[in-house]
Amino acid sequence: MTPFGWGRGRRRRATEEEAPPGPLRDYLSASPPDPRTPLAQVRLLALDFETTTLEAATGSPLSAGWVPVDGTAVRLGGAGSVGFLAPAAGVGDSAVFHGITDDAASLGVDERVAVERILAALAGRVLLAHHASIETSFLAAACRRIWGVAPEFACVDTLEIEHRLATRGGSEPVPGSLRLGASRERYGLPAYGAHEALTDALACAELYVAQVSVLGAASPLKSVLS
């Protein structure tokens, strides 16, 4: 069996062949964990983006933060963050949420440099995020702009996991109760400030570890893949 099933593995290999030599191809050539791997042994990378909008088609990434998770251990020594150079249109009204001003964003690095750092940290790991479609869509869009190829990122979404756990009794959770902070509160995790990429990545990593304690560390990766 190819990683993440025959179909996904074939698409990954096809994308690798399309990608030019360099960081993207290196990332694609690093085999991700087998879907049958117990969660206790899975290597993930909690990732968070702060962006100008929630839509990758119209927005730009402004910062990213990441924290490795090995099984149920959060590896702070591997944590990192990067600021993206401000888009030509500036950060706009999004600064109200994340506090990244045009002046701050002007100190960021080129998108290619930022994405190369993220892919290097992600190699051989599964992307982990809360509401992961935001991270996967922005990362894929950036790869397409830089290399002309948009890979499919297999991921674990703590929002999806929390929804599954919350609906075990048959009722839908109340609006807002699945947000990152609210989800952490149910596990007795401390409150962190929101909308800072590295802090949110750490918050997601800790939430995932708490969720695994409920799901069982012997559960296979495929049981939580999005």
C-alpha atoms as a PDB file:
ATOM      1  CA  MET A   1       0.000   0.000   0.000  1.00  0.00           C
ATOM      2  CA  THR A   2       1.342   3.453  -0.865  1.00  0.00           C
ATOM      3  CA  PRO A   3       1.156   6.152   1.831  1.00  0.00           C
ATOM      4  CA  PHE A   4      -2.429   7.305   2.467  1.00  0.00           C
ATOM      5  CA  GLY A   5      -3.834   4.702   0.056  1.00  0.00           C
ATOM      6  CA  TRP A   6      -3.198   3.893  -3.563  1.00  0.00           C
ATOM      7  CA  GLY A   7      -5.004   6.894  -5.027  1.00  0.00           C
ATOM      8  CA  ARG A   8      -3.378   9.493  -2.794  1.00  0.00           C
ATOM      9  CA  GLY A   9       0.021   7.889  -3.196  1.00  0.00           C
ATOM     10  CA  ARG A  10      -0.262   7.948  -6.965  1.00  0.00           C
ATOM     11  CA  ARG A  11      -1.287  11.627  -6.962  1.00  0.00           C
ATOM     12  CA  ARG A  12       1.629  12.442  -4.657  1.00  0.00           C
ATOM     13  CA  ARG A  13       4.090  10.716  -6.996  1.00  0.00           C
ATOM     14  CA  ALA A  14       2.600  12.499 -10.014  1.00  0.00           C
ATOM     15  CA  THR A  15       2.953  15.867  -8.282  1.00  0.00           C
ATOM     16  CA  GLU A  16       6.532  15.016  -7.323  1.00  0.00           C
ATOM     17  CA  GLU A  17       7.336  14.363 -10.982  1.00  0.00           C
ATOM     18  CA  GLU A  18       5.816  17.711 -11.983  1.00  0.00           C
ATOM     19  CA  ALA A  19       7.639  19.673  -9.293  1.00  0.00           C
ATOM     20  CA  PRO A  20      11.001  21.198 -10.208  1.00  0.00           C
ATOM     21  CA  PRO A  21      14.061  20.072  -8.250  1.00  0.00           C
ATOM     22  CA  GLY A  22      14.187  21.780  -4.894  1.00  0.00           C
ATOM     23  CA  PRO A  23      12.251  22.096  -1.631  1.00  0.00           C
ATOM     24  CA  LEU A  24       8.829  21.071  -2.947  1.00  0.00           C
ATOM     25  CA  ARG A  25      10.136  17.921  -4.601  1.00  0.00           C
ATOM     26  CA  ASP A  26      12.181  17.162  -1.489  1.00  0.00           C
ATOM     27  CA  TYR A  27       9.032  17.448   0.626  1.00  0.00           C
ATOM     28  CA  LEU A  28       7.051  15.202  -1.710  1.00  0.00           C
ATOM     29  CA  SER A  29       9.799  12.584  -1.816  1.00  0.00           C
ATOM     30  CA  ALA A  30       9.806  12.239   1.993  1.00  0.00           C
ATOM     31  CA  SER A  31       7.322   9.468   2.732  1.00  0.00           C
ATOM     32  CA  PRO A  32       4.602  10.446   5.228  1.00  0.00           C
ATOM     33  CA  PRO A  33       3.526   8.005   7.958  1.00  0.00           C
ATOM     34  CA  ASP A  34       1.565   4.941   6.878  1.00  0.00           C
ATOM     35  CA  PRO A  35      -2.179   5.367   7.607  1.00  0.00           C
ATOM     36  CA  ARG A  36      -2.111   2.211   9.720  1.00  0.00           C
ATOM     37  CA  THR A  37       0.438   3.726  12.125  1.00  0.00           C
ATOM     38  CA  PRO A  38      -0.862   3.993  15.714  1.00  0.00           C
ATOM     39  CA  LEU A  39      -1.363   7.575  16.825  1.00  0.00           C
ATOM     40  CA  ALA A  40       1.248   6.979  19.529  1.00  0.00           C
ATOM     41  CA  GLN A  41       3.872   6.760  16.770  1.00  0.00           C
ATOM     42  CA  VAL A  42       2.654   9.329  14.241  1.00  0.00           C
ATOM     43  CA  ARG A  43       4.814  12.366  13.498  1.00  0.00           C
ATOM     44  CA  LEU A  44       2.820  15.536  12.803  1.00  0.00           C
ATOM     45  CA  LEU A  45       3.419  19.248  12.417  1.00  0.00           C
ATOM     46  CA  ALA A  46       0.882  21.608  13.943  1.00  0.00           C
ATOM     47  CA  LEU A  47       0.676  24.567  11.570  1.00  0.00           C
ATOM     48  CA  ASP A  48      -1.147  27.882  11.706  1.00  0.00           C
ATOM     49  CA  PHE A  49      -1.348  30.765   9.258  1.00  0.00           C
ATOM     50  CA  GLU A  50      -2.376  34.345   9.849  1.00  0.00           C
ATOM     51  CA  THR A  51      -3.739  35.746   6.594  1.00  0.00           C
ATOM     52  CA  THR A  52      -5.372  38.799   5.063  1.00  0.00           C
ATOM     53  CA  THR A  53      -8.619  36.879   4.405  1.00  0.00           C
ATOM     54  CA  LEU A  54      -9.934  33.364   4.996  1.00  0.00           C
ATOM     55  CA  GLU A  55      -9.998  32.601   1.257  1.00  0.00           C
ATOM     56  CA  ALA A  56      -6.738  31.540  -0.399  1.00  0.00           C
ATOM     57  CA  ALA A  57      -8.036  32.708  -3.787  1.00  0.00           C
ATOM     58  CA  THR A  58      -8.217  36.314  -2.622  1.00  0.00           C
ATOM     59  CA  GLY A  59      -5.954  36.481   0.420  1.00  0.00           C
ATOM     60  CA  SER A  60      -2.269  36.381   1.271  1.00  0.00           C
ATOM     61  CA  PRO A  61      -0.408  34.686   4.115  1.00  0.00           C
ATOM     62  CA  LEU A  62       1.178  37.075   6.602  1.00  0.00           C
ATOM     63  CA  SER A  63       2.762  34.736   9.117  1.00  0.00           C
ATOM     64  CA  ALA A  64       3.064  31.042   9.921  1.00  0.00           C
ATOM     65  CA  GLY A  65       3.928  29.146  13.060  1.00  0.00           C
ATOM     66  CA  TRP A  66       4.567  25.438  13.541  1.00  0.00           C
ATOM     67  CA  VAL A  67       5.191  22.940  16.319  1.00  0.00           C
ATOM     68  CA  PRO A  68       6.193  19.263  15.814  1.00  0.00           C
ATOM     69  CA  VAL A  69       4.219  16.537  17.571  1.00  0.00           C
ATOM     70  CA  ASP A  70       5.756  13.064  17.927  1.00  0.00           C
ATOM     71  CA  GLY A  71       3.060  10.658  19.028  1.00  0.00           C
ATOM     72  CA  THR A  72       1.696  12.414  22.097  1.00  0.00           C
ATOM     73  CA  ALA A  73       4.771  14.568  22.765  1.00  0.00           C
ATOM     74  CA  VAL A  74       4.804  18.235  21.761  1.00  0.00           C
ATOM     75  CA  ARG A  75       8.364  19.103  20.666  1.00  0.00           C
ATOM     76  CA  LEU A  76       8.898  22.745  21.514  1.00  0.00           C
ATOM     77  CA  GLY A  77      12.530  22.506  20.440  1.00  0.00           C
ATOM     78  CA  GLY A  78      11.382  22.123  16.843  1.00  0.00           C
ATOM     79  CA  ALA A  79       8.924  25.010  16.922  1.00  0.00           C
ATOM     80  CA  GLY A  80       9.360  27.841  14.458  1.00  0.00           C
ATOM     81  CA  SER A  81       7.681  30.807  12.837  1.00  0.00           C
ATOM     82  CA  VAL A  82       8.135  33.067   9.858  1.00  0.00           C
ATOM     83  CA  GLY A  83       6.677  36.340   8.684  1.00  0.00           C
ATOM     84  CA  PHE A  84       5.742  36.840   5.033  1.00  0.00           C
ATOM     85  CA  LEU A  85       6.533  40.013   3.145  1.00  0.00           C
ATOM     86  CA  ALA A  86       3.436  42.211   2.997  1.00  0.00           C
ATOM     87  CA  PRO A  87       1.283  41.909  -0.151  1.00  0.00           C
ATOM     88  CA  ALA A  88       1.197  44.908  -2.463  1.00  0.00           C
ATOM     89  CA  ALA A  89      -2.307  45.781  -1.255  1.00  0.00           C
ATOM     90  CA  GLY A  90      -1.212  45.735   2.378  1.00  0.00           C
ATOM     91  CA  VAL A  91      -2.764  43.828   5.248  1.00  0.00           C
ATOM     92  CA  GLY A  92      -6.038  45.766   5.161  1.00  0.00           C
ATOM     93  CA  ASP A  93      -8.672  45.323   7.847  1.00  0.00           C
ATOM     94  CA  SER A  94      -7.250  41.926   8.829  1.00  0.00           C
ATOM     95  CA  ALA A  95      -4.830  43.728  11.163  1.00  0.00           C
ATOM     96  CA  VAL A  96      -7.749  44.165  13.572  1.00  0.00           C
ATOM     97  CA  PHE A  97      -7.694  40.395  14.189  1.00  0.00           C
ATOM     98  CA  HIS A  98      -4.030  39.406  14.170  1.00  0.00           C
ATOM     99  CA  GLY A  99      -2.316  42.709  14.954  1.00  0.00           C
ATOM    100  CA  ILE A 100       0.132  42.447  12.038  1.00  0.00           C
ATOM    101  CA  THR A 101       0.498  45.954  10.639  1.00  0.00           C
ATOM    102  CA  ASP A 102       1.841  46.978   7.234  1.00  0.00           C
ATOM    103  CA  ASP A 103       5.054  48.130   8.933  1.00  0.00           C
ATOM    104  CA  ALA A 104       5.498  44.755  10.641  1.00  0.00           C
ATOM    105  CA  ALA A 105       4.724  42.846   7.455  1.00  0.00           C
ATOM    106  CA  SER A 106       7.285  44.908   5.543  1.00  0.00           C
ATOM    107  CA  LEU A 107       9.957  43.121   7.618  1.00  0.00           C
ATOM    108  CA  GLY A 108       8.836  39.669   6.457  1.00  0.00           C
ATOM    109  CA  VAL A 109      10.653  37.400   4.033  1.00  0.00           C
ATOM    110  CA  ASP A 110       9.793  36.574   0.450  1.00  0.00           C
ATOM    111  CA  GLU A 111       6.971  34.035   0.095  1.00  0.00           C
ATOM    112  CA  ARG A 112       9.291  31.478  -1.492  1.00  0.00           C
ATOM    113  CA  VAL A 113      11.699  31.604   1.460  1.00  0.00           C
ATOM    114  CA  ALA A 114       8.837  31.298   3.958  1.00  0.00           C
ATOM    115  CA  VAL A 115       7.223  28.345   2.185  1.00  0.00           C
ATOM    116  CA  GLU A 116      10.572  26.559   1.840  1.00  0.00           C
ATOM    117  CA  ARG A 117      10.980  26.748   5.633  1.00  0.00           C
ATOM    118  CA  ILE A 118       7.488  25.368   6.190  1.00  0.00           C
ATOM    119  CA  LEU A 119       7.979  22.484   3.757  1.00  0.00           C
ATOM    120  CA  ALA A 120      11.303  21.590   5.376  1.00  0.00           C
ATOM    121  CA  ALA A 121       9.598  21.359   8.778  1.00  0.00           C
ATOM    122  CA  LEU A 122       6.671  19.394   7.293  1.00  0.00           C
ATOM    123  CA  ALA A 123       8.739  16.768   5.452  1.00  0.00           C
ATOM    124  CA  GLY A 124       7.881  13.255   6.649  1.00  0.00           C
ATOM    125  CA  ARG A 125       5.090  14.539   8.871  1.00  0.00           C
ATOM    126  CA  VAL A 126       1.314  14.926   8.653  1.00  0.00           C
ATOM    127  CA  LEU A 127      -0.049  18.455   8.676  1.00  0.00           C
ATOM    128  CA  LEU A 128      -2.071  19.159  11.840  1.00  0.00           C
ATOM    129  CA  ALA A 129      -4.342  22.198  12.162  1.00  0.00           C
ATOM    130  CA  HIS A 130      -7.617  23.445  13.607  1.00  0.00           C
ATOM    131  CA  HIS A 131      -9.949  24.051  10.633  1.00  0.00           C
ATOM    132  CA  ALA A 132      -7.184  22.677   8.438  1.00  0.00           C
ATOM    133  CA  SER A 133      -8.732  23.693   5.114  1.00  0.00           C
ATOM    134  CA  ILE A 134      -7.357  27.202   5.705  1.00  0.00           C
ATOM    135  CA  GLU A 135      -3.774  26.013   6.149  1.00  0.00           C
ATOM    136  CA  THR A 136      -3.901  23.485   3.306  1.00  0.00           C
ATOM    137  CA  SER A 137      -5.496  25.912   0.852  1.00  0.00           C
ATOM    138  CA  PHE A 138      -3.054  28.758   1.563  1.00  0.00           C
ATOM    139  CA  LEU A 139      -0.036  26.452   1.466  1.00  0.00           C
ATOM    140  CA  ALA A 140      -1.182  24.827  -1.786  1.00  0.00           C
ATOM    141  CA  ALA A 141      -1.899  28.223  -3.367  1.00  0.00           C
ATOM    142  CA  ALA A 142       1.565  29.476  -2.401  1.00  0.00           C
ATOM    143  CA  CYS A 143       3.177  26.363  -3.907  1.00  0.00           C
ATOM    144  CA  ARG A 144       1.268  26.935  -7.136  1.00  0.00           C
ATOM    145  CA  ARG A 145       2.427  30.559  -7.330  1.00  0.00           C
ATOM    146  CA  ILE A 146       6.046  29.621  -6.674  1.00  0.00           C
ATOM    147  CA  TRP A 147       6.469  26.307  -8.509  1.00  0.00           C
ATOM    148  CA  GLY A 148       3.347  25.968 -10.658  1.00  0.00           C
ATOM    149  CA  VAL A 149       2.281  22.841  -8.741  1.00  0.00           C
ATOM    150  CA  ALA A 150      -0.279  22.583  -5.952  1.00  0.00           C
ATOM    151  CA  PRO A 151       0.214  19.404  -3.899  1.00  0.00           C
ATOM    152  CA  GLU A 152      -2.529  17.725  -1.915  1.00  0.00           C
ATOM    153  CA  PHE A 153      -1.678  17.883   1.783  1.00  0.00           C
ATOM    154  CA  ALA A 154      -2.985  14.996   3.846  1.00  0.00           C
ATOM    155  CA  CYS A 155      -3.901  16.384   7.231  1.00  0.00           C
ATOM    156  CA  VAL A 156      -5.431  15.846  10.629  1.00  0.00           C
ATOM    157  CA  ASP A 157      -7.990  18.463  11.614  1.00  0.00           C
ATOM    158  CA  THR A 158      -8.595  18.966  15.341  1.00  0.00           C
ATOM    159  CA  LEU A 159     -11.859  20.752  14.523  1.00  0.00           C
ATOM    160  CA  GLU A 160     -13.157  17.635  12.738  1.00  0.00           C
ATOM    161  CA  ILE A 161     -12.009  15.418  15.600  1.00  0.00           C
ATOM    162  CA  GLU A 162     -13.731  17.629  18.160  1.00  0.00           C
ATOM    163  CA  HIS A 163     -16.946  17.652  16.137  1.00  0.00           C
ATOM    164  CA  ARG A 164     -16.879  13.853  16.030  1.00  0.00           C
ATOM    165  CA  LEU A 165     -16.347  13.623  19.781  1.00  0.00           C
ATOM    166  CA  ALA A 166     -18.998  16.253  20.524  1.00  0.00           C
ATOM    167  CA  THR A 167     -21.660  14.483  18.440  1.00  0.00           C
ATOM    168  CA  ARG A 168     -21.200  11.038  19.952  1.00  0.00           C
ATOM    169  CA  GLY A 169     -24.411  11.562  21.881  1.00  0.00           C
ATOM    170  CA  GLY A 170     -26.340  12.356  18.720  1.00  0.00           C
ATOM    171  CA  SER A 171     -26.751  16.134  19.164  1.00  0.00           C
ATOM    172  CA  GLU A 172     -24.994  18.929  17.319  1.00  0.00           C
ATOM    173  CA  PRO A 173     -22.702  21.242  19.320  1.00  0.00           C
ATOM    174  CA  VAL A 174     -23.809  24.816  19.898  1.00  0.00           C
ATOM    175  CA  PRO A 175     -22.348  27.448  17.540  1.00  0.00           C
ATOM    176  CA  GLY A 176     -18.881  28.571  18.570  1.00  0.00           C
ATOM    177  CA  SER A 177     -18.261  25.629  20.891  1.00  0.00           C
ATOM    178  CA  LEU A 178     -15.804  24.016  18.468  1.00  0.00           C
ATOM    179  CA  ARG A 179     -13.502  27.017  18.208  1.00  0.00           C
ATOM    180  CA  LEU A 180      -9.934  26.361  19.268  1.00  0.00           C
ATOM    181  CA  GLY A 181     -10.175  28.137  22.617  1.00  0.00           C
ATOM    182  CA  ALA A 182     -13.561  26.641  23.506  1.00  0.00           C
ATOM    183  CA  SER A 183     -12.371  23.155  22.555  1.00  0.00           C
ATOM    184  CA  ARG A 184      -9.272  23.496  24.745  1.00  0.00           C
ATOM    185  CA  GLU A 185     -11.389  24.618  27.684  1.00  0.00           C
ATOM    186  CA  ARG A 186     -13.270  21.300  27.706  1.00  0.00           C
ATOM    187  CA  TYR A 187      -9.983  19.481  28.349  1.00  0.00           C
ATOM    188  CA  GLY A 188      -8.861  21.864  31.069  1.00  0.00           C
ATOM    189  CA  LEU A 189      -6.147  23.355  28.883  1.00  0.00           C
ATOM    190  CA  PRO A 190      -5.070  26.940  29.641  1.00  0.00           C
ATOM    191  CA  ALA A 191      -6.410  29.904  27.703  1.00  0.00           C
ATOM    192  CA  TYR A 192      -3.981  31.417  25.212  1.00  0.00           C
ATOM    193  CA  GLY A 193      -4.257  34.624  23.237  1.00  0.00           C
ATOM    194  CA  ALA A 194      -5.662  33.977  19.758  1.00  0.00           C
ATOM    195  CA  HIS A 195      -4.525  35.010  16.278  1.00  0.00           C
ATOM    196  CA  GLU A 196      -0.766  34.680  16.748  1.00  0.00           C
ATOM    197  CA  ALA A 197       0.523  31.945  14.474  1.00  0.00           C
ATOM    198  CA  LEU A 198       3.025  30.208  16.751  1.00  0.00           C
ATOM    199  CA  THR A 199       0.742  30.384  19.793  1.00  0.00           C
ATOM    200  CA  ASP A 200      -2.183  29.001  17.795  1.00  0.00           C
ATOM    201  CA  ALA A 201      -0.008  26.170  16.443  1.00  0.00           C
ATOM    202  CA  LEU A 202       0.986  25.260  20.002  1.00  0.00           C
ATOM    203  CA  ALA A 203      -2.641  25.477  21.117  1.00  0.00           C
ATOM    204  CA  CYS A 204      -3.634  23.107  18.324  1.00  0.00           C
ATOM    205  CA  ALA A 205      -0.838  20.669  19.167  1.00  0.00           C
ATOM    206  CA  GLU A 206      -1.879  20.519  22.818  1.00  0.00           C
ATOM    207  CA  LEU A 207      -5.542  20.077  21.894  1.00  0.00           C
ATOM    208  CA  TYR A 208      -4.638  17.164  19.623  1.00  0.00           C
ATOM    209  CA  VAL A 209      -2.717  15.413  22.402  1.00  0.00           C
ATOM    210  CA  ALA A 210      -5.748  15.807  24.685  1.00  0.00           C
ATOM    211  CA  GLN A 211      -8.020  14.402  21.969  1.00  0.00           C
ATOM    212  CA  VAL A 212      -5.742  11.395  21.489  1.00  0.00           C
ATOM    213  CA  SER A 213      -6.128  10.638  25.189  1.00  0.00           C
ATOM    214  CA  VAL A 214      -9.850  10.171  24.476  1.00  0.00           C
ATOM    215  CA  LEU A 215      -9.533   8.414  21.118  1.00  0.00           C
ATOM    216  CA  GLY A 216      -6.804   6.074  22.338  1.00  0.00           C
ATOM    217  CA  ALA A 217      -3.149   6.188  21.342  1.00  0.00           C
ATOM    218  CA  ALA A 218      -3.479   2.772  19.703  1.00  0.00           C
ATOM    219  CA  SER A 219      -6.002   4.122  17.176  1.00  0.00           C
ATOM    220  CA  PRO A 220      -4.631   4.186  13.602  1.00  0.00           C
ATOM    221  CA  LEU A 221      -3.757   7.404  11.818  1.00  0.00           C
ATOM    222  CA  LYS A 222      -6.390   6.661   9.166  1.00  0.00           C
ATOM    223  CA  SER A 223      -9.089   7.097  11.831  1.00  0.00           C
ATOM    224  CA  VAL A 224      -8.328  10.830  12.104  1.00  0.00           C
ATOM    225  CA  LEU A 225      -7.126  11.718   8.599  1.00  0.00           C
ATOM    226  CA  SER A 226      -9.221  14.352   6.850  1.00  0.00           C
END
